[in-house]
N, C-alpha and C. Protein backbone atom coordinates (compact mmCIF):
# COMPACT_ATOMS: atom_id res chain seq x y z
N MET A 1 0.82 -1.23 0.02
CA MET A 1 -0.14 0.02 -0.02
C MET A 1 0.94 1.14 -0.04
N SER A 2 0.78 1.96 -1.17
CA SER A 2 1.56 3.46 -0.81
C SER A 2 0.80 4.53 -0.50
N SER A 3 1.44 5.41 -0.35
CA SER A 3 0.73 6.60 0.65
C SER A 3 1.46 8.14 0.06
N ASN A 4 0.64 8.71 -0.27
CA ASN A 4 1.12 10.24 -0.63
C ASN A 4 0.81 10.95 0.04
N LYS A 5 1.74 11.95 0.65
CA LYS A 5 1.54 12.81 1.52
C LYS A 5 1.82 14.21 0.87
N GLN A 6 1.36 15.43 1.40
CA GLN A 6 1.78 16.54 0.97
C GLN A 6 1.89 17.81 2.31
N THR A 7 2.91 18.27 2.43
CA THR A 7 3.24 19.14 3.69
C THR A 7 3.64 20.72 3.19
N ALA A 8 3.04 21.45 3.77
CA ALA A 8 3.28 22.75 3.25
C ALA A 8 3.70 23.48 4.29
N GLN A 9 5.39 24.24 4.21
CA GLN A 9 5.84 24.87 5.47
C GLN A 9 5.99 26.23 4.81
N VAL A 10 5.66 27.45 5.71
CA VAL A 10 6.08 28.68 5.47
C VAL A 10 6.72 29.28 6.62
N VAL A 11 7.55 30.33 6.07
CA VAL A 11 8.32 31.07 7.38
C VAL A 11 7.85 32.44 7.30
N LEU A 12 7.31 33.39 8.19
CA LEU A 12 6.84 34.61 8.14
C LEU A 12 7.75 35.29 9.06
N THR A 13 8.34 36.60 8.46
CA THR A 13 9.34 37.20 9.60
C THR A 13 8.98 38.64 9.47
N LEU A 14 8.93 39.22 10.45
CA LEU A 14 8.47 40.59 11.03
C LEU A 14 9.75 41.50 11.37
N VAL A 15 10.52 42.32 10.26
CA VAL A 15 11.51 43.19 10.48
C VAL A 15 11.02 44.43 10.72
N ASP A 16 11.51 45.31 11.59
CA ASP A 16 11.44 46.90 11.71
C ASP A 16 12.63 47.35 10.59
N VAL A 17 12.02 48.05 9.70
CA VAL A 17 12.74 48.71 8.21
C VAL A 17 13.69 49.86 9.04
N ARG A 18 13.31 50.39 9.99
CA ARG A 18 14.39 51.55 10.37
C ARG A 18 15.54 51.08 11.03
N THR A 19 15.32 50.04 11.59
CA THR A 19 16.50 49.46 12.75
C THR A 19 17.05 48.21 12.00
N SER A 20 16.21 47.76 11.23
CA SER A 20 16.64 46.30 10.52
C SER A 20 16.80 44.98 11.62
N GLU A 21 15.90 45.36 12.67
CA GLU A 21 15.70 44.29 13.81
C GLU A 21 14.57 43.40 13.31
N GLN A 22 15.38 41.87 13.30
CA GLN A 22 14.09 40.88 13.35
C GLN A 22 13.29 41.05 14.54
N LEU A 23 12.07 41.32 14.48
CA LEU A 23 11.11 41.40 15.76
C LEU A 23 10.37 39.98 16.05
N VAL A 24 10.10 39.31 14.81
CA VAL A 24 9.21 38.22 15.21
C VAL A 24 9.61 36.92 13.61
N SER A 25 9.99 35.97 14.08
CA SER A 25 10.30 35.10 13.03
C SER A 25 9.39 33.50 13.36
N VAL A 26 8.27 33.26 12.68
CA VAL A 26 7.62 31.95 12.93
C VAL A 26 7.44 30.80 11.80
N THR A 27 7.00 30.01 11.93
CA THR A 27 6.84 28.94 10.70
C THR A 27 5.26 28.52 11.07
N GLY A 28 4.87 28.01 9.89
CA GLY A 28 3.41 27.26 9.79
C GLY A 28 3.49 26.12 9.04
N GLU A 29 2.92 25.06 9.42
CA GLU A 29 2.61 23.95 8.80
C GLU A 29 1.62 23.03 8.69
N ALA A 30 1.17 22.65 7.77
CA ALA A 30 0.08 22.04 7.24
C ALA A 30 0.17 20.75 6.54
N LYS A 31 -0.65 19.66 6.75
CA LYS A 31 -0.64 18.68 6.05
C LYS A 31 -1.71 18.07 5.35
N ILE A 32 -1.73 17.33 4.12
CA ILE A 32 -2.78 16.85 3.46
C ILE A 32 -3.17 15.52 3.63
N THR A 33 -4.14 14.98 4.18
CA THR A 33 -4.21 13.70 4.36
C THR A 33 -4.40 12.63 3.30
N ASP A 34 -3.92 11.32 3.32
CA ASP A 34 -4.02 10.49 2.42
C ASP A 34 -5.57 10.44 1.73
N ARG A 35 -6.73 10.53 2.56
CA ARG A 35 -7.86 10.66 1.75
C ARG A 35 -8.21 11.79 1.15
N ALA A 36 -7.64 12.84 1.85
CA ALA A 36 -8.00 14.10 0.68
C ALA A 36 -7.16 14.10 -0.51
N TRP A 37 -5.71 13.57 -0.52
CA TRP A 37 -4.94 13.69 -1.38
C TRP A 37 -5.40 12.41 -2.72
N SER A 38 -6.12 11.46 -2.45
CA SER A 38 -6.78 10.64 -3.13
C SER A 38 -7.78 11.09 -4.15
N ALA A 39 -8.78 11.97 -3.21
CA ALA A 39 -9.92 12.60 -3.72
C ALA A 39 -9.20 13.81 -4.80
N MET A 40 -8.24 14.46 -4.40
CA MET A 40 -7.88 15.35 -5.34
C MET A 40 -7.31 14.80 -6.87
N VAL A 41 -6.50 13.78 -6.75
CA VAL A 41 -5.90 12.93 -7.79
C VAL A 41 -6.97 12.60 -8.62
N ASN A 42 -8.09 11.82 -7.67
CA ASN A 42 -9.29 11.23 -8.79
C ASN A 42 -10.05 12.51 -9.48
N ALA A 43 -9.98 13.69 -8.79
CA ALA A 43 -10.92 14.69 -9.28
C ALA A 43 -10.09 15.20 -10.65
N SER A 44 -8.97 15.27 -10.38
CA SER A 44 -8.25 15.97 -11.31
C SER A 44 -8.18 14.99 -12.68
N ASN A 45 -8.20 13.71 -12.69
CA ASN A 45 -7.91 12.53 -13.47
C ASN A 45 -9.48 12.90 -14.17
N ALA A 46 -10.12 12.68 -13.73
CA ALA A 46 -11.52 12.73 -14.00
C ALA A 46 -11.69 14.10 -15.02
N GLN A 47 -11.07 15.28 -14.70
CA GLN A 47 -11.21 16.20 -15.58
C GLN A 47 -10.07 16.26 -16.63
N GLY A 48 -9.13 15.28 -16.63
CA GLY A 48 -8.24 14.88 -17.57
C GLY A 48 -7.17 15.82 -17.56
N ASN A 49 -6.87 16.46 -16.27
CA ASN A 49 -5.58 17.39 -16.64
C ASN A 49 -4.61 17.04 -15.19
N ALA A 50 -4.52 15.72 -14.62
CA ALA A 50 -3.67 15.36 -13.68
C ALA A 50 -3.22 16.21 -12.92
N GLY A 51 -3.86 17.17 -12.39
CA GLY A 51 -3.80 18.22 -11.44
C GLY A 51 -3.16 19.33 -11.47
N VAL A 52 -2.70 19.38 -12.89
CA VAL A 52 -2.10 20.73 -13.27
C VAL A 52 -2.82 22.04 -13.27
N ARG A 53 -4.15 21.95 -13.63
CA ARG A 53 -5.09 23.10 -13.47
C ARG A 53 -6.42 22.72 -12.96
N LEU A 54 -6.45 23.02 -11.60
CA LEU A 54 -8.00 22.92 -11.16
C LEU A 54 -8.81 24.22 -11.23
N GLY A 55 -8.25 25.07 -11.22
CA GLY A 55 -8.79 26.22 -11.18
C GLY A 55 -8.06 26.84 -10.55
N SER A 56 -8.48 27.93 -9.68
CA SER A 56 -7.44 28.60 -8.60
C SER A 56 -6.77 27.97 -7.64
N TRP A 57 -5.54 28.14 -7.47
CA TRP A 57 -4.95 27.20 -6.48
C TRP A 57 -5.58 27.10 -5.27
N GLU A 58 -6.28 28.15 -4.49
CA GLU A 58 -7.03 27.96 -3.08
C GLU A 58 -8.12 27.00 -3.35
N ASN A 59 -8.33 26.65 -4.65
CA ASN A 59 -9.65 25.63 -4.75
C ASN A 59 -8.99 24.17 -5.04
N THR A 60 -8.08 24.25 -4.67
CA THR A 60 -7.19 22.37 -4.64
C THR A 60 -6.84 21.96 -3.47
N GLU A 61 -6.65 20.84 -3.14
CA GLU A 61 -6.39 20.54 -1.81
C GLU A 61 -5.00 21.04 -1.39
N ILE A 62 -4.09 21.20 -2.34
CA ILE A 62 -2.61 21.71 -1.89
C ILE A 62 -2.75 23.07 -1.68
N GLY A 63 -3.57 23.48 -2.49
CA GLY A 63 -3.83 25.19 -2.08
C GLY A 63 -4.50 25.54 -0.91
N GLN A 64 -5.34 24.92 -0.66
CA GLN A 64 -5.94 24.79 0.88
C GLN A 64 -4.80 24.55 2.07
N VAL A 65 -3.99 23.22 1.75
CA VAL A 65 -2.98 23.20 3.03
C VAL A 65 -1.82 24.23 2.87
N ILE A 66 -1.56 24.84 1.84
CA ILE A 66 -0.55 26.16 1.56
C ILE A 66 -1.48 27.34 2.48
N GLN A 67 -2.45 27.45 2.31
CA GLN A 67 -3.28 28.38 2.82
C GLN A 67 -3.25 28.38 4.42
N GLU A 68 -3.67 27.10 4.89
CA GLU A 68 -3.68 26.76 6.44
C GLU A 68 -2.21 26.85 6.89
N ALA A 69 -1.45 26.49 6.31
CA ALA A 69 -0.14 26.76 6.92
C ALA A 69 0.16 28.50 7.01
N TYR A 70 -0.13 28.94 5.86
CA TYR A 70 -0.11 30.53 6.11
C TYR A 70 -1.20 31.04 7.25
N ALA A 71 -2.06 30.50 7.58
CA ALA A 71 -3.12 31.04 8.62
C ALA A 71 -2.50 31.10 9.77
N LYS A 72 -1.92 29.39 9.85
CA LYS A 72 -1.21 29.14 11.27
C LYS A 72 0.06 30.23 11.76
N ALA A 73 0.72 30.41 10.72
CA ALA A 73 1.92 31.17 10.73
C ALA A 73 1.54 32.76 11.08
N TYR A 74 0.33 33.24 10.62
CA TYR A 74 -0.17 34.55 10.46
C TYR A 74 -0.52 34.59 12.03
N GLN A 75 -1.37 33.93 12.77
CA GLN A 75 -1.84 33.50 13.83
C GLN A 75 -0.67 33.88 14.88
N GLN A 76 0.30 33.08 14.82
CA GLN A 76 1.63 33.24 15.72
C GLN A 76 2.25 34.56 15.41
N VAL A 77 2.35 35.17 14.30
CA VAL A 77 3.02 36.34 14.10
C VAL A 77 2.23 37.43 15.01
N THR A 78 0.90 37.41 14.79
CA THR A 78 0.04 38.05 15.47
C THR A 78 0.27 38.02 16.98
N ALA A 79 0.22 36.92 17.51
CA ALA A 79 0.54 36.34 19.05
C ALA A 79 1.90 37.08 19.47
N ASP A 80 3.02 36.85 18.64
CA ASP A 80 4.16 37.09 19.27
C ASP A 80 4.32 38.74 19.18
N THR A 81 3.71 39.05 18.14
CA THR A 81 3.71 40.81 17.89
C THR A 81 3.14 41.53 19.03
N GLU A 82 2.10 40.79 19.55
CA GLU A 82 1.39 41.52 20.82
C GLU A 82 2.27 41.22 21.94
N LYS A 83 3.09 40.22 22.09
CA LYS A 83 3.67 39.79 23.35
C LYS A 83 5.00 40.89 23.08
N HIS A 84 5.67 40.98 22.08
CA HIS A 84 6.77 42.03 21.72
C HIS A 84 6.26 43.59 22.24
N ARG A 85 4.94 43.83 21.60
CA ARG A 85 4.43 45.18 21.86
C ARG A 85 4.49 45.33 23.51
N ARG A 86 4.06 44.32 24.21
CA ARG A 86 4.00 44.50 25.78
C ARG A 86 5.24 44.80 26.19
N GLN A 87 5.99 44.12 25.95
CA GLN A 87 7.65 44.18 26.28
C GLN A 87 8.02 45.23 26.20
N ASP A 88 7.83 46.44 25.33
CA ASP A 88 8.12 47.60 25.13
C ASP A 88 7.75 48.47 25.81
């Protein structure tokens, strides 16, 4: 039994442009499940394009995984920025 997995990892860094100080650096990660991967492949094969173009990227499974990874990282940037602001 083979298994297909996709993972999206992103890094967001917040830098003070006046001082070049790195204020916050966070990562976000999301994974696509085997079941979702299978559904995406089946849908793309039914459309005859093997997943190359399913429409806009955010409507694809991997696009949603990437979007989720960015959302997690953004939430962490927001929390860390608030923490940094309170320290000043």
